[in-house]
């Protein structure tokens, strides 16, 4: 057997190595402030279904908490809030509204700046979670 033939045989026996991540972090609110780690995808999925299973009945989007679900419903499906917004009222509540902050903003962009400046949210946070869900 030549060296070339043996190398070709060895290639046939090589098994691909699939590496698993050492841990998976949940950075979905409210876990984002102290991310929880999971050693398997199954543990992570169980966590998501247990703690982040808030679904909008109108559009079927999933939200990380009941608070985000309520914000979503108000800002996207509540006709009374839409009327108030059209009149120029501030309708975009701080994500911490009712938990020590009473700030209501006129635009999502102003709310984003408030969350970063006053509550220390990272700029990379998905502030559109209120509209799009997770």
N, C-alpha and C. Protein backbone atom coordinates (compact mmCIF):
# COMPACT_ATOMS: atom_id res chain seq x y z
N UNK A 1 0.83 -1.17 0.00
CA UNK A 1 0.00 0.00 0.00
C UNK A 1 0.88 1.24 0.00
N UNK A 2 0.57 2.16 -0.82
CA UNK A 2 1.36 3.39 -0.89
C UNK A 2 0.91 4.36 0.20
N UNK A 3 1.76 5.34 0.47
CA UNK A 3 1.43 6.34 1.48
C UNK A 3 0.15 7.08 1.09
N UNK A 4 0.01 7.37 -0.17
CA UNK A 4 -1.16 8.10 -0.64
C UNK A 4 -2.45 7.31 -0.37
N UNK A 5 -2.45 6.03 -0.61
CA UNK A 5 -3.63 5.21 -0.38
C UNK A 5 -3.98 5.17 1.10
N UNK A 6 -2.97 5.08 1.96
CA UNK A 6 -3.23 5.03 3.40
C UNK A 6 -3.84 6.34 3.88
N UNK A 7 -3.35 7.50 3.39
CA UNK A 7 -3.91 8.80 3.77
C UNK A 7 -5.37 8.91 3.37
N UNK A 8 -5.70 8.39 2.19
CA UNK A 8 -7.08 8.43 1.73
C UNK A 8 -7.97 7.58 2.63
N UNK A 9 -7.47 6.41 3.07
CA UNK A 9 -8.23 5.56 3.98
C UNK A 9 -8.46 6.26 5.31
N UNK A 10 -7.43 6.94 5.83
CA UNK A 10 -7.55 7.66 7.10
C UNK A 10 -8.62 8.75 7.02
N UNK A 11 -8.68 9.42 5.86
CA UNK A 11 -9.67 10.48 5.71
C UNK A 11 -11.08 9.93 5.81
N UNK A 12 -11.29 8.70 5.31
CA UNK A 12 -12.61 8.09 5.37
C UNK A 12 -13.02 7.78 6.81
N UNK A 13 -12.06 7.58 7.70
CA UNK A 13 -12.36 7.20 9.07
C UNK A 13 -12.46 8.40 10.01
N UNK A 14 -12.14 9.58 9.55
CA UNK A 14 -12.17 10.77 10.40
C UNK A 14 -13.62 11.15 10.66
N UNK A 15 -13.96 11.29 11.93
CA UNK A 15 -15.31 11.70 12.33
C UNK A 15 -15.31 13.18 12.65
N UNK A 16 -16.29 13.92 12.16
CA UNK A 16 -16.34 15.35 12.50
C UNK A 16 -16.60 15.54 13.99
N UNK A 17 -15.95 16.54 14.55
CA UNK A 17 -16.12 16.84 15.97
C UNK A 17 -17.08 18.02 16.08
N UNK A 18 -18.18 17.81 16.78
CA UNK A 18 -19.16 18.88 16.99
C UNK A 18 -19.00 19.35 18.42
N UNK A 19 -18.62 20.60 18.57
CA UNK A 19 -18.41 21.09 19.93
C UNK A 19 -19.67 21.78 20.44
N UNK A 20 -20.01 21.52 21.66
CA UNK A 20 -21.14 22.14 22.33
C UNK A 20 -20.64 23.37 23.06
N UNK A 21 -21.43 24.44 23.11
CA UNK A 21 -20.99 25.59 23.90
C UNK A 21 -20.88 25.18 25.37
N UNK A 22 -19.93 25.79 26.08
CA UNK A 22 -19.75 25.44 27.48
C UNK A 22 -20.94 25.86 28.31
N UNK A 23 -21.55 26.98 27.94
CA UNK A 23 -22.76 27.41 28.62
C UNK A 23 -23.54 28.37 27.73
N UNK A 24 -24.81 28.47 28.01
CA UNK A 24 -25.69 29.38 27.28
C UNK A 24 -26.21 30.37 28.29
N UNK A 25 -26.13 31.66 27.96
CA UNK A 25 -26.60 32.69 28.88
C UNK A 25 -27.93 33.24 28.41
N UNK A 26 -28.83 33.46 29.36
CA UNK A 26 -30.08 34.13 29.06
C UNK A 26 -29.89 35.62 29.35
N UNK A 27 -29.99 36.42 28.30
CA UNK A 27 -29.86 37.87 28.46
C UNK A 27 -31.17 38.57 28.14
N UNK A 28 -32.26 37.81 28.14
CA UNK A 28 -33.59 38.37 27.89
C UNK A 28 -34.09 39.01 29.18
N UNK A 29 -34.66 40.21 29.10
CA UNK A 29 -35.18 40.84 30.32
C UNK A 29 -36.20 39.93 31.00
N UNK A 30 -36.28 39.86 32.27
CA UNK A 30 -35.49 40.63 33.23
C UNK A 30 -34.16 39.98 33.60
N UNK A 31 -33.78 38.91 32.92
CA UNK A 31 -32.52 38.22 33.24
C UNK A 31 -31.29 39.00 32.79
N UNK A 32 -31.46 40.02 31.95
CA UNK A 32 -30.32 40.72 31.35
C UNK A 32 -29.42 41.38 32.39
N UNK A 33 -29.97 41.80 33.53
CA UNK A 33 -29.14 42.48 34.53
C UNK A 33 -28.21 41.50 35.25
N UNK A 34 -28.65 40.28 35.42
CA UNK A 34 -27.82 39.22 36.01
C UNK A 34 -28.05 37.96 35.18
N UNK A 35 -27.36 37.84 34.02
CA UNK A 35 -27.62 36.72 33.11
C UNK A 35 -27.48 35.36 33.79
N UNK A 36 -28.45 34.49 33.53
CA UNK A 36 -28.43 33.13 34.05
C UNK A 36 -27.71 32.24 33.03
N UNK A 37 -26.93 31.27 33.53
CA UNK A 37 -26.19 30.36 32.65
C UNK A 37 -26.80 28.97 32.68
N UNK A 38 -26.78 28.31 31.53
CA UNK A 38 -27.32 26.96 31.41
C UNK A 38 -26.30 26.10 30.69
N UNK A 39 -26.18 24.85 31.13
CA UNK A 39 -25.17 23.96 30.56
C UNK A 39 -25.66 23.22 29.32
N UNK A 40 -26.95 23.30 29.03
CA UNK A 40 -27.46 22.63 27.84
C UNK A 40 -28.59 23.45 27.22
N UNK A 41 -28.82 23.17 25.95
CA UNK A 41 -29.91 23.85 25.26
C UNK A 41 -31.25 23.48 25.89
N UNK A 42 -31.40 22.25 26.35
CA UNK A 42 -32.64 21.80 26.97
C UNK A 42 -32.95 22.59 28.24
N UNK A 43 -31.93 22.84 29.07
CA UNK A 43 -32.13 23.64 30.28
C UNK A 43 -32.54 25.07 29.92
N UNK A 44 -31.88 25.61 28.90
CA UNK A 44 -32.19 26.97 28.45
C UNK A 44 -33.63 27.05 27.93
N UNK A 45 -34.02 26.07 27.14
CA UNK A 45 -35.38 26.05 26.58
C UNK A 45 -36.42 25.95 27.70
N UNK A 46 -36.17 25.12 28.69
CA UNK A 46 -37.08 25.00 29.83
C UNK A 46 -37.21 26.33 30.54
N UNK A 47 -36.09 27.01 30.73
CA UNK A 47 -36.10 28.33 31.37
C UNK A 47 -36.94 29.31 30.56
N UNK A 48 -36.73 29.36 29.25
CA UNK A 48 -37.47 30.28 28.38
C UNK A 48 -38.97 30.01 28.48
N UNK A 49 -39.35 28.75 28.40
CA UNK A 49 -40.77 28.41 28.44
C UNK A 49 -41.39 28.68 29.81
N UNK A 50 -40.58 28.62 30.86
CA UNK A 50 -41.09 28.85 32.22
C UNK A 50 -41.15 30.33 32.58
N UNK A 51 -40.12 31.08 32.17
CA UNK A 51 -40.00 32.46 32.65
C UNK A 51 -40.25 33.53 31.58
N UNK A 52 -40.24 33.15 30.32
CA UNK A 52 -40.40 34.14 29.25
C UNK A 52 -41.51 33.72 28.29
N UNK A 53 -42.59 33.21 28.82
CA UNK A 53 -43.66 32.66 28.00
C UNK A 53 -44.90 33.55 28.04
N UNK A 54 -44.74 34.79 27.68
CA UNK A 54 -45.85 35.74 27.70
C UNK A 54 -46.21 36.06 26.26
N UNK A 55 -47.37 35.57 25.80
CA UNK A 55 -47.73 35.63 24.39
C UNK A 55 -48.89 36.59 24.17
N UNK A 56 -48.75 37.43 23.15
CA UNK A 56 -49.80 38.37 22.77
C UNK A 56 -50.90 37.60 22.04
N UNK A 57 -52.13 37.71 22.51
CA UNK A 57 -53.25 37.02 21.87
C UNK A 57 -53.59 37.61 20.51
N UNK A 58 -53.21 38.84 20.29
CA UNK A 58 -53.53 39.53 19.03
C UNK A 58 -52.60 39.11 17.89
N UNK A 59 -51.29 39.12 18.13
CA UNK A 59 -50.32 38.85 17.05
C UNK A 59 -49.47 37.59 17.30
N UNK A 60 -49.66 36.95 18.44
CA UNK A 60 -48.98 35.69 18.80
C UNK A 60 -47.48 35.85 19.03
N UNK A 61 -47.00 37.07 19.24
CA UNK A 61 -45.58 37.27 19.56
C UNK A 61 -45.36 36.95 21.03
N UNK A 62 -44.14 36.49 21.32
CA UNK A 62 -43.75 36.09 22.68
C UNK A 62 -42.91 37.20 23.29
N UNK A 63 -43.11 37.45 24.61
CA UNK A 63 -42.40 38.52 25.30
C UNK A 63 -41.71 37.99 26.54
N UNK A 64 -40.63 38.67 26.94
CA UNK A 64 -39.80 38.16 28.05
C UNK A 64 -40.45 38.27 29.41
N UNK A 65 -41.45 39.12 29.56
CA UNK A 65 -42.11 39.26 30.86
C UNK A 65 -43.51 39.81 30.64
N UNK A 66 -44.31 39.72 31.68
CA UNK A 66 -45.67 40.25 31.62
C UNK A 66 -45.64 41.77 31.39
N UNK A 67 -44.67 42.44 31.98
CA UNK A 67 -44.54 43.89 31.81
C UNK A 67 -44.32 44.25 30.34
N UNK A 68 -43.42 43.53 29.65
CA UNK A 68 -43.18 43.81 28.24
C UNK A 68 -44.40 43.45 27.39
N UNK A 69 -45.12 42.41 27.77
CA UNK A 69 -46.34 42.06 27.05
C UNK A 69 -47.36 43.19 27.16
N UNK A 70 -47.54 43.74 28.37
CA UNK A 70 -48.50 44.84 28.56
C UNK A 70 -48.07 46.09 27.79
N UNK A 71 -46.78 46.40 27.80
CA UNK A 71 -46.28 47.53 27.02
C UNK A 71 -46.57 47.31 25.53
N UNK A 72 -46.32 46.10 25.06
CA UNK A 72 -46.57 45.76 23.66
C UNK A 72 -48.04 45.96 23.30
N UNK A 73 -48.92 45.43 24.12
CA UNK A 73 -50.36 45.55 23.84
C UNK A 73 -50.78 47.01 23.80
N UNK A 74 -50.35 47.78 24.79
CA UNK A 74 -50.70 49.21 24.82
C UNK A 74 -50.18 49.94 23.58
N UNK A 75 -48.93 49.73 23.25
CA UNK A 75 -48.29 50.50 22.18
C UNK A 75 -48.64 50.01 20.78
N UNK A 76 -49.12 48.77 20.65
CA UNK A 76 -49.35 48.22 19.32
C UNK A 76 -50.80 47.84 19.02
N UNK A 77 -51.60 47.57 20.04
CA UNK A 77 -52.95 47.06 19.79
C UNK A 77 -54.06 47.85 20.49
N UNK A 78 -53.72 48.77 21.36
CA UNK A 78 -54.73 49.50 22.13
C UNK A 78 -55.16 50.75 21.36
N UNK A 79 -56.41 50.77 20.85
CA UNK A 79 -56.84 51.93 20.06
C UNK A 79 -56.90 53.23 20.87
N UNK A 80 -57.16 53.14 22.16
CA UNK A 80 -57.21 54.34 23.00
C UNK A 80 -55.82 54.97 23.14
N UNK A 81 -54.81 54.14 23.28
CA UNK A 81 -53.44 54.64 23.36
C UNK A 81 -53.04 55.27 22.02
N UNK A 82 -53.45 54.65 20.91
CA UNK A 82 -53.16 55.22 19.58
C UNK A 82 -53.78 56.60 19.44
N UNK A 83 -55.01 56.77 19.90
CA UNK A 83 -55.69 58.07 19.83
C UNK A 83 -54.93 59.10 20.65
N UNK A 84 -54.52 58.71 21.86
CA UNK A 84 -53.76 59.61 22.73
C UNK A 84 -52.44 60.01 22.06
N UNK A 85 -51.79 59.05 21.44
CA UNK A 85 -50.52 59.32 20.75
C UNK A 85 -50.74 60.29 19.59
N UNK A 86 -51.80 60.10 18.84
CA UNK A 86 -52.11 60.99 17.72
C UNK A 86 -52.40 62.41 18.19
N UNK A 87 -52.90 62.54 19.41
CA UNK A 87 -53.16 63.86 20.00
C UNK A 87 -51.88 64.50 20.53
N UNK A 88 -50.78 63.76 20.51
CA UNK A 88 -49.50 64.29 20.98
C UNK A 88 -49.14 63.91 22.40
N UNK A 89 -49.92 63.04 23.01
CA UNK A 89 -49.64 62.60 24.39
C UNK A 89 -48.41 61.69 24.42
N UNK A 90 -47.72 61.70 25.52
CA UNK A 90 -46.60 60.79 25.73
C UNK A 90 -47.19 59.43 26.12
N UNK A 91 -46.82 58.40 25.39
CA UNK A 91 -47.40 57.07 25.64
C UNK A 91 -46.35 55.97 25.83
N UNK A 92 -45.07 56.28 25.63
CA UNK A 92 -44.03 55.26 25.70
C UNK A 92 -43.43 55.21 27.10
N UNK A 93 -43.97 54.30 27.92
CA UNK A 93 -43.57 54.20 29.32
C UNK A 93 -42.17 53.61 29.46
N UNK A 94 -41.47 54.11 30.48
CA UNK A 94 -40.18 53.55 30.88
C UNK A 94 -40.37 52.06 31.16
N UNK A 95 -39.38 51.25 30.84
CA UNK A 95 -39.46 49.82 31.13
C UNK A 95 -39.56 49.56 32.63
N UNK A 96 -39.16 50.52 33.44
CA UNK A 96 -39.24 50.40 34.90
C UNK A 96 -40.43 51.16 35.47
N UNK A 97 -41.38 51.52 34.62
CA UNK A 97 -42.56 52.27 35.05
C UNK A 97 -43.31 51.46 36.11
N UNK A 98 -43.60 52.13 37.21
CA UNK A 98 -44.28 51.45 38.32
C UNK A 98 -43.32 50.79 39.29
N UNK A 99 -42.06 50.70 38.93
CA UNK A 99 -41.04 50.13 39.81
C UNK A 99 -40.05 51.21 40.23
N UNK A 100 -40.59 52.37 40.56
CA UNK A 100 -39.74 53.46 41.01
C UNK A 100 -39.48 54.52 39.96
N UNK A 101 -40.00 54.34 38.76
CA UNK A 101 -39.83 55.36 37.72
C UNK A 101 -41.19 55.64 37.09
N UNK A 102 -41.50 56.90 36.94
CA UNK A 102 -42.79 57.28 36.36
C UNK A 102 -42.63 57.99 35.02
N UNK A 103 -41.47 57.85 34.40
CA UNK A 103 -41.18 58.54 33.14
C UNK A 103 -42.01 57.95 31.99
N UNK A 104 -42.63 58.83 31.22
CA UNK A 104 -43.34 58.46 29.99
C UNK A 104 -42.80 59.36 28.89
N UNK A 105 -42.40 58.78 27.78
CA UNK A 105 -41.73 59.52 26.71
C UNK A 105 -42.64 59.69 25.50
N UNK A 106 -42.27 60.65 24.66
CA UNK A 106 -43.07 60.94 23.46
C UNK A 106 -42.70 60.05 22.27
N UNK A 107 -41.51 59.45 22.30
CA UNK A 107 -41.09 58.56 21.21
C UNK A 107 -40.31 57.37 21.78
N UNK A 108 -40.26 56.27 21.04
CA UNK A 108 -39.43 55.14 21.47
C UNK A 108 -37.95 55.52 21.58
N UNK A 109 -37.49 56.42 20.71
CA UNK A 109 -36.09 56.85 20.75
C UNK A 109 -35.78 57.57 22.06
N UNK A 110 -36.70 58.44 22.50
CA UNK A 110 -36.49 59.14 23.78
C UNK A 110 -36.52 58.16 24.95
N UNK A 111 -37.38 57.14 24.86
CA UNK A 111 -37.41 56.12 25.91
C UNK A 111 -36.08 55.37 25.94
N UNK A 112 -35.55 55.04 24.77
CA UNK A 112 -34.27 54.34 24.69
C UNK A 112 -33.18 55.15 25.37
N UNK A 113 -33.10 56.45 25.06
CA UNK A 113 -32.09 57.31 25.68
C UNK A 113 -32.29 57.38 27.20
N UNK A 114 -33.53 57.45 27.65
CA UNK A 114 -33.84 57.46 29.08
C UNK A 114 -33.35 56.17 29.74
N UNK A 115 -33.63 55.03 29.10
CA UNK A 115 -33.24 53.73 29.67
C UNK A 115 -31.72 53.62 29.78
N UNK A 116 -31.00 54.13 28.80
CA UNK A 116 -29.54 54.09 28.82
C UNK A 116 -28.98 55.05 29.86
N UNK A 117 -29.47 56.30 29.84
CA UNK A 117 -28.93 57.34 30.72
C UNK A 117 -29.33 57.17 32.18
N UNK A 118 -30.58 56.86 32.44
CA UNK A 118 -31.09 56.82 33.82
C UNK A 118 -31.04 55.45 34.47
N UNK A 119 -31.14 54.40 33.67
CA UNK A 119 -31.22 53.06 34.25
C UNK A 119 -30.05 52.16 33.87
N UNK A 120 -29.10 52.69 33.11
CA UNK A 120 -27.89 51.95 32.80
C UNK A 120 -28.05 50.80 31.83
N UNK A 121 -29.10 50.81 31.03
CA UNK A 121 -29.26 49.76 30.02
C UNK A 121 -28.12 49.88 29.00
N UNK A 122 -27.61 48.76 28.52
CA UNK A 122 -26.55 48.83 27.51
C UNK A 122 -27.11 49.31 26.17
N UNK A 123 -26.30 50.00 25.41
CA UNK A 123 -26.74 50.49 24.09
C UNK A 123 -27.12 49.33 23.16
N UNK A 124 -26.54 48.16 23.41
CA UNK A 124 -26.81 47.00 22.57
C UNK A 124 -28.13 46.30 22.91
N UNK A 125 -28.80 46.75 23.96
CA UNK A 125 -30.07 46.14 24.36
C UNK A 125 -31.07 46.25 23.21
N UNK A 126 -31.86 45.21 23.01
CA UNK A 126 -32.88 45.20 21.94
C UNK A 126 -34.12 45.95 22.42
N UNK A 127 -34.11 47.25 22.28
CA UNK A 127 -35.22 48.07 22.74
C UNK A 127 -36.48 47.84 21.93
N UNK A 128 -36.36 47.26 20.75
CA UNK A 128 -37.53 46.96 19.93
C UNK A 128 -38.27 45.71 20.40
N UNK A 129 -37.83 45.12 21.51
CA UNK A 129 -38.49 43.94 22.06
C UNK A 129 -39.97 44.23 22.34
N UNK A 130 -40.30 45.48 22.63
CA UNK A 130 -41.69 45.85 22.89
C UNK A 130 -42.55 45.62 21.65
N UNK A 131 -42.00 45.84 20.49
CA UNK A 131 -42.76 45.66 19.25
C UNK A 131 -42.62 44.28 18.65
N UNK A 132 -41.41 43.76 18.64
CA UNK A 132 -41.13 42.51 17.93
C UNK A 132 -41.20 41.26 18.80
N UNK A 133 -41.05 41.42 20.10
CA UNK A 133 -41.00 40.25 20.97
C UNK A 133 -39.65 39.57 20.90
N UNK A 134 -39.61 38.34 21.41
CA UNK A 134 -38.35 37.59 21.43
C UNK A 134 -38.44 36.40 20.49
